[in-house]
C-alpha atoms as a PDB file:
ATOM      1  CA  MET A   1     -65.114 -46.012  34.105  1.00  0.00           C
ATOM      2  CA  SER A   2     -65.279 -42.211  33.384  1.00  0.00           C
ATOM      3  CA  VAL A   3     -63.195 -41.187  35.802  1.00  0.00           C
ATOM      4  CA  LYS A   4     -60.336 -43.534  34.831  1.00  0.00           C
ATOM      5  CA  ARG A   5     -61.569 -42.707  31.028  1.00  0.00           C
ATOM      6  CA  ILE A   6     -60.637 -38.619  31.582  1.00  0.00           C
ATOM      7  CA  LYS A   7     -56.842 -39.652  33.397  1.00  0.00           C
ATOM      8  CA  ASN A   8     -56.115 -41.751  30.412  1.00  0.00           C
ATOM      9  CA  LEU A   9     -57.223 -38.712  28.035  1.00  0.00           C
ATOM     10  CA  VAL A  10     -55.578 -36.549  30.124  1.00  0.00           C
ATOM     11  CA  LYS A  11     -52.425 -38.312  30.309  1.00  0.00           C
ATOM     12  CA  GLN A  12     -52.417 -39.458  26.316  1.00  0.00           C
ATOM     13  CA  LEU A  13     -53.017 -35.718  25.512  1.00  0.00           C
ATOM     14  CA  ASN A  14     -50.297 -34.277  27.610  1.00  0.00           C
ATOM     15  CA  GLU A  15     -48.109 -36.548  25.759  1.00  0.00           C
ATOM     16  CA  TYR A  16     -49.162 -35.704  22.436  1.00  0.00           C
ATOM     17  CA  ARG A  17     -49.162 -31.895  23.825  1.00  0.00           C
ATOM     18  CA  HIS A  18     -45.183 -32.594  24.579  1.00  0.00           C
ATOM     19  CA  ALA A  19     -44.168 -34.049  21.554  1.00  0.00           C
ATOM     20  CA  TYR A  20     -46.180 -31.510  19.277  1.00  0.00           C
ATOM     21  CA  TYR A  21     -45.008 -28.507  20.930  1.00  0.00           C
ATOM     22  CA  ASN A  22     -41.649 -29.210  22.389  1.00  0.00           C
ATOM     23  CA  GLN A  23     -40.230 -31.442  20.130  1.00  0.00           C
ATOM     24  CA  ASP A  24     -41.602 -30.867  16.701  1.00  0.00           C
ATOM     25  CA  ALA A  25     -42.828 -34.439  16.522  1.00  0.00           C
ATOM     26  CA  PRO A  26     -46.347 -35.110  16.566  1.00  0.00           C
ATOM     27  CA  LEU A  27     -47.683 -38.805  17.035  1.00  0.00           C
ATOM     28  CA  VAL A  28     -51.081 -38.344  15.764  1.00  0.00           C
ATOM     29  CA  SER A  29     -53.320 -35.955  13.313  1.00  0.00           C
ATOM     30  CA  ASP A  30     -54.823 -32.501  14.378  1.00  0.00           C
ATOM     31  CA  ALA A  31     -58.324 -34.682  13.383  1.00  0.00           C
ATOM     32  CA  GLU A  32     -57.133 -37.416  15.772  1.00  0.00           C
ATOM     33  CA  TYR A  33     -56.098 -35.038  18.930  1.00  0.00           C
ATOM     34  CA  ASP A  34     -59.519 -33.287  18.265  1.00  0.00           C
ATOM     35  CA  ARG A  35     -61.657 -36.041  18.323  1.00  0.00           C
ATOM     36  CA  LEU A  36     -59.374 -37.288  21.657  1.00  0.00           C
ATOM     37  CA  PHE A  37     -59.501 -33.688  23.018  1.00  0.00           C
ATOM     38  CA  ASP A  38     -63.480 -33.142  22.831  1.00  0.00           C
ATOM     39  CA  GLU A  39     -63.859 -36.367  24.431  1.00  0.00           C
ATOM     40  CA  LEU A  40     -62.067 -35.274  27.065  1.00  0.00           C
ATOM     41  CA  LYS A  41     -64.050 -32.169  27.439  1.00  0.00           C
ATOM     42  CA  GLU A  42     -67.717 -33.952  27.000  1.00  0.00           C
ATOM     43  CA  LEU A  43     -66.397 -36.218  29.612  1.00  0.00           C
ATOM     44  CA  GLU A  44     -65.291 -33.481  31.851  1.00  0.00           C
ATOM     45  CA  GLU A  45     -68.806 -31.806  31.450  1.00  0.00           C
ATOM     46  CA  GLN A  46     -70.824 -35.066  31.793  1.00  0.00           C
ATOM     47  CA  THR A  47     -68.964 -35.701  35.494  1.00  0.00           C
ATOM     48  CA  GLY A  48     -68.099 -32.461  36.586  1.00  0.00           C
ATOM     49  CA  PHE A  49     -64.260 -34.262  36.934  1.00  0.00           C
ATOM     50  CA  ILE A  50     -61.364 -31.740  35.746  1.00  0.00           C
ATOM     51  CA  LEU A  51     -57.924 -32.612  36.672  1.00  0.00           C
ATOM     52  CA  SER A  52     -55.523 -29.758  37.186  1.00  0.00           C
ATOM     53  CA  ASN A  53     -53.345 -31.094  34.280  1.00  0.00           C
ATOM     54  CA  SER A  54     -56.231 -31.813  31.656  1.00  0.00           C
ATOM     55  CA  PRO A  55     -55.465 -29.949  28.422  1.00  0.00           C
ATOM     56  CA  THR A  56     -58.862 -28.243  28.598  1.00  0.00           C
ATOM     57  CA  GLN A  57     -57.354 -25.913  31.234  1.00  0.00           C
ATOM     58  CA  THR A  58     -54.563 -24.391  29.716  1.00  0.00           C
ATOM     59  CA  VAL A  59     -52.834 -23.260  26.213  1.00  0.00           C
ATOM     60  CA  GLY A  60     -49.719 -24.570  24.940  1.00  0.00           C
ATOM     61  CA  TYR A  61     -47.562 -26.047  27.161  1.00  0.00           C
ATOM     62  CA  TYR A  62     -44.746 -24.943  29.337  1.00  0.00           C
ATOM     63  CA  PRO A  63     -41.395 -23.943  26.995  1.00  0.00           C
ATOM     64  CA  VAL A  64     -38.580 -26.024  27.969  1.00  0.00           C
ATOM     65  CA  SER A  65     -36.025 -25.260  26.176  1.00  0.00           C
ATOM     66  CA  GLU A  66     -32.782 -22.895  26.617  1.00  0.00           C
ATOM     67  CA  LEU A  67     -34.415 -19.435  25.220  1.00  0.00           C
ATOM     68  CA  ALA A  68     -34.946 -16.660  27.496  1.00  0.00           C
ATOM     69  CA  LYS A  69     -38.178 -16.707  28.755  1.00  0.00           C
ATOM     70  CA  VAL A  70     -40.675 -14.167  28.055  1.00  0.00           C
ATOM     71  CA  THR A  71     -43.729 -12.968  30.379  1.00  0.00           C
ATOM     72  CA  HIS A  72     -46.661 -11.789  28.806  1.00  0.00           C
ATOM     73  CA  PRO A  73     -48.040  -8.776  30.634  1.00  0.00           C
ATOM     74  CA  ILE A  74     -51.210  -9.352  29.025  1.00  0.00           C
ATOM     75  CA  PRO A  75     -51.662 -13.538  28.138  1.00  0.00           C
ATOM     76  CA  LEU A  76     -51.785 -14.472  24.897  1.00  0.00           C
ATOM     77  CA  LEU A  77     -54.561 -17.003  25.274  1.00  0.00           C
ATOM     78  CA  SER A  78     -56.717 -18.831  22.608  1.00  0.00           C
ATOM     79  CA  LEU A  79     -60.124 -19.206  22.076  1.00  0.00           C
ATOM     80  CA  GLU A  80     -61.782 -22.732  22.235  1.00  0.00           C
ATOM     81  CA  LYS A  81     -62.646 -23.992  18.486  1.00  0.00           C
ATOM     82  CA  THR A  82     -66.374 -23.875  17.510  1.00  0.00           C
ATOM     83  CA  LYS A  83     -68.288 -24.190  14.390  1.00  0.00           C
ATOM     84  CA  LEU A  84     -71.174 -22.439  15.409  1.00  0.00           C
ATOM     85  CA  ILE A  85     -71.357 -18.910  14.707  1.00  0.00           C
ATOM     86  CA  SER A  86     -73.755 -18.116  17.273  1.00  0.00           C
ATOM     87  CA  GLU A  87     -70.740 -19.082  20.241  1.00  0.00           C
ATOM     88  CA  LEU A  88     -68.642 -16.014  18.322  1.00  0.00           C
ATOM     89  CA  LEU A  89     -71.577 -13.703  18.076  1.00  0.00           C
ATOM     90  CA  ASP A  90     -71.826 -14.658  21.972  1.00  0.00           C
ATOM     91  CA  PHE A  91     -68.289 -14.299  22.746  1.00  0.00           C
ATOM     92  CA  MET A  92     -67.969 -10.449  21.114  1.00  0.00           C
ATOM     93  CA  LYS A  93     -70.613  -9.451  23.783  1.00  0.00           C
ATOM     94  CA  GLY A  94     -71.050  -6.352  21.084  1.00  0.00           C
ATOM     95  CA  GLN A  95     -67.095  -5.743  21.356  1.00  0.00           C
ATOM     96  CA  GLU A  96     -64.896  -5.425  18.141  1.00  0.00           C
ATOM     97  CA  VAL A  97     -62.850  -8.442  18.064  1.00  0.00           C
ATOM     98  CA  LEU A  98     -60.718  -9.270  15.419  1.00  0.00           C
ATOM     99  CA  PHE A  99     -61.239 -13.042  14.290  1.00  0.00           C
ATOM    100  CA  MET A 100     -58.348 -14.927  12.281  1.00  0.00           C
ATOM    101  CA  LEU A 101     -58.698 -18.673  10.816  1.00  0.00           C
ATOM    102  CA  LYS A 102     -56.791 -20.820  12.654  1.00  0.00           C
ATOM    103  CA  LEU A 103     -53.259 -21.884  10.757  1.00  0.00           C
ATOM    104  CA  ASP A 104     -50.569 -24.544  12.488  1.00  0.00           C
ATOM    105  CA  GLY A 105     -48.190 -22.223  12.918  1.00  0.00           C
ATOM    106  CA  LEU A 106     -45.939 -20.535  15.993  1.00  0.00           C
ATOM    107  CA  THR A 107     -48.402 -17.850  17.944  1.00  0.00           C
ATOM    108  CA  THR A 108     -45.857 -14.931  17.675  1.00  0.00           C
ATOM    109  CA  LYS A 109     -46.341 -11.782  19.617  1.00  0.00           C
ATOM    110  CA  LEU A 110     -43.941  -9.058  17.917  1.00  0.00           C
ATOM    111  CA  ILE A 111     -43.381  -6.018  19.509  1.00  0.00           C
ATOM    112  CA  TYR A 112     -41.949  -3.093  17.497  1.00  0.00           C
ATOM    113  CA  GLU A 113     -40.992   0.752  19.179  1.00  0.00           C
ATOM    114  CA  ASP A 114     -40.195   3.433  17.154  1.00  0.00           C
ATOM    115  CA  GLY A 115     -40.637   1.550  13.619  1.00  0.00           C
ATOM    116  CA  ARG A 116     -37.966  -1.035  14.823  1.00  0.00           C
ATOM    117  CA  LEU A 117     -38.884  -5.071  16.272  1.00  0.00           C
ATOM    118  CA  ILE A 118     -37.324  -5.351  19.219  1.00  0.00           C
ATOM    119  CA  GLN A 119     -38.718  -8.269  20.274  1.00  0.00           C
ATOM    120  CA  ALA A 120     -40.792 -11.520  19.031  1.00  0.00           C
ATOM    121  CA  SER A 121     -41.954 -14.049  21.245  1.00  0.00           C
ATOM    122  CA  THR A 122     -44.240 -17.342  21.399  1.00  0.00           C
ATOM    123  CA  ARG A 123     -47.020 -17.740  23.127  1.00  0.00           C
ATOM    124  CA  GLY A 124     -45.916 -20.742  25.225  1.00  0.00           C
ATOM    125  CA  ASP A 125     -48.059 -21.345  27.894  1.00  0.00           C
ATOM    126  CA  GLY A 126     -50.076 -17.935  27.556  1.00  0.00           C
ATOM    127  CA  GLU A 127     -48.562 -16.454  30.836  1.00  0.00           C
ATOM    128  CA  VAL A 128     -44.637 -16.978  29.776  1.00  0.00           C
ATOM    129  CA  GLY A 129     -43.161 -17.174  26.309  1.00  0.00           C
ATOM    130  CA  GLU A 130     -39.558 -17.569  24.600  1.00  0.00           C
ATOM    131  CA  ASP A 131     -37.533 -14.723  22.744  1.00  0.00           C
ATOM    132  CA  ILE A 132     -37.360 -15.838  19.383  1.00  0.00           C
ATOM    133  CA  THR A 133     -36.243 -12.285  18.216  1.00  0.00           C
ATOM    134  CA  HIS A 134     -33.522 -13.929  17.035  1.00  0.00           C
ATOM    135  CA  ASN A 135     -35.305 -16.314  14.312  1.00  0.00           C
ATOM    136  CA  ILE A 136     -37.376 -13.627  12.862  1.00  0.00           C
ATOM    137  CA  PRO A 137     -35.090 -13.309   9.614  1.00  0.00           C
ATOM    138  CA  ALA A 138     -36.046 -16.834   8.773  1.00  0.00           C
ATOM    139  CA  PHE A 139     -39.713 -15.322   8.068  1.00  0.00           C
ATOM    140  CA  LEU A 140     -38.831 -13.242   4.929  1.00  0.00           C
ATOM    141  CA  ASN A 141     -42.497 -11.115   5.453  1.00  0.00           C
ATOM    142  CA  VAL A 142     -42.172 -10.325   8.651  1.00  0.00           C
ATOM    143  CA  PRO A 143     -40.527  -6.908   8.756  1.00  0.00           C
ATOM    144  CA  LEU A 144     -37.216  -5.651  11.252  1.00  0.00           C
ATOM    145  CA  THR A 145     -38.655  -1.832  10.779  1.00  0.00           C
ATOM    146  CA  ILE A 146     -42.058  -0.356   9.718  1.00  0.00           C
ATOM    147  CA  PRO A 147     -42.787   3.093   9.173  1.00  0.00           C
ATOM    148  CA  HIS A 148     -45.288   3.306  12.131  1.00  0.00           C
ATOM    149  CA  LYS A 149     -43.339   5.368  14.677  1.00  0.00           C
ATOM    150  CA  GLU A 150     -45.638   4.702  17.916  1.00  0.00           C
ATOM    151  CA  ARG A 151     -45.671   1.295  19.872  1.00  0.00           C
ATOM    152  CA  LEU A 152     -47.168  -1.610  18.074  1.00  0.00           C
ATOM    153  CA  VAL A 153     -47.906  -5.087  19.528  1.00  0.00           C
ATOM    154  CA  ILE A 154     -48.979  -8.019  16.971  1.00  0.00           C
ATOM    155  CA  THR A 155     -50.193 -11.087  17.989  1.00  0.00           C
ATOM    156  CA  GLY A 156     -50.582 -13.850  15.020  1.00  0.00           C
ATOM    157  CA  ALA A 157     -48.933 -17.248  13.693  1.00  0.00           C
ATOM    158  CA  LEU A 158     -45.826 -17.546  11.803  1.00  0.00           C
ATOM    159  CA  GLY A 159     -44.868 -20.590  10.203  1.00  0.00           C
ATOM    160  CA  ILE A 160     -43.041 -22.262   7.624  1.00  0.00           C
ATOM    161  CA  TRP A 161     -44.920 -24.692   4.866  1.00  0.00           C
ATOM    162  CA  PHE A 162     -44.452 -26.903   2.006  1.00  0.00           C
ATOM    163  CA  LEU A 163     -45.396 -27.051  -1.365  1.00  0.00           C
ATOM    164  CA  LEU A 164     -45.714 -29.376  -3.742  1.00  0.00           C
ATOM    165  CA  ILE A 165     -43.531 -28.387  -6.867  1.00  0.00           C
ATOM    166  CA  SER A 166     -43.718 -29.909 -10.357  1.00  0.00           C
ATOM    167  CA  SER A 167     -40.694 -32.160 -10.046  1.00  0.00           C
ATOM    168  CA  ARG A 168     -42.427 -33.770  -6.416  1.00  0.00           C
ATOM    169  CA  ARG A 169     -39.530 -32.323  -4.054  1.00  0.00           C
ATOM    170  CA  LEU A 170     -41.160 -30.702  -1.301  1.00  0.00           C
ATOM    171  CA  MET A 171     -39.716 -27.041  -0.986  1.00  0.00           C
ATOM    172  CA  PRO A 172     -40.109 -24.594   1.687  1.00  0.00           C
ATOM    173  CA  SER A 173     -41.944 -21.820   1.978  1.00  0.00           C
ATOM    174  CA  SER A 174     -41.631 -18.916   4.458  1.00  0.00           C
ATOM    175  CA  PHE A 175     -44.695 -16.894   5.269  1.00  0.00           C
ATOM    176  CA  GLY A 176     -45.443 -14.304   7.749  1.00  0.00           C
ATOM    177  CA  ILE A 177     -47.287 -11.355   8.575  1.00  0.00           C
ATOM    178  CA  ARG A 178     -47.810  -8.576   5.959  1.00  0.00           C
ATOM    179  CA  ILE A 179     -47.628  -5.801   8.450  1.00  0.00           C
ATOM    180  CA  SER A 180     -47.042  -2.613   6.028  1.00  0.00           C
ATOM    181  CA  GLU A 181     -50.666  -3.725   4.717  1.00  0.00           C
ATOM    182  CA  MET A 182     -52.001  -3.172   7.628  1.00  0.00           C
ATOM    183  CA  ILE A 183     -50.584   0.040   8.596  1.00  0.00           C
ATOM    184  CA  THR A 184     -51.479   2.063   5.517  1.00  0.00           C
END
C-alpha cells in the first residue's frame, strides 16, 4: 500500500509542479501541495522507497520554454521548509548565513559587472535556469545600473503581486530587491 501511495503522490505532485512552474496555472493551493509533499516525504522516510523523479529529490522544475538556458556554476538550491529554529541552527553549523522569508515569486539570479546588470536568470531546476534579462525592466525596483563596480551576484525572489484597492479592482504591483540599500 505505501509504495503504491508513494507512486501516486509522485505522479500527482509532479503534475502540480508542471502546472505551477511551466504553465503558470496552479492546480491546488500551496497549503494542499505542502500537505501532500509532507505526506510523501514521511512515507519515503518510513519505507526507504524514493523514486528518482520524486519532488523531494529536486528543486523547482526543469524549464521547458524557448528561452536561452543558463547553467549555474554554483547551484541555486532551496532549503527544505522547516518550522523549527533548531533545524535552522543545525543547518548553519557556525557559518554566517542569510535567511530570507520564502515569498511566492520567481527565484532569480542577478549578475552585475562594472555596475551594469549583465544577466538575470531563473533558478530552473537549480543547475540550469533560463535567461530572463529582457524581462527585468518589468520589475520596477530592480536597477539596471548600480554604483558598485565589482562583480556582484544576487539571488532572491522577484514577483508581481496584486493589491486590492478601494474600487475593488486588482491592480498589479511590482516589487524587487533594493540593491542600493544593500550596497551603501
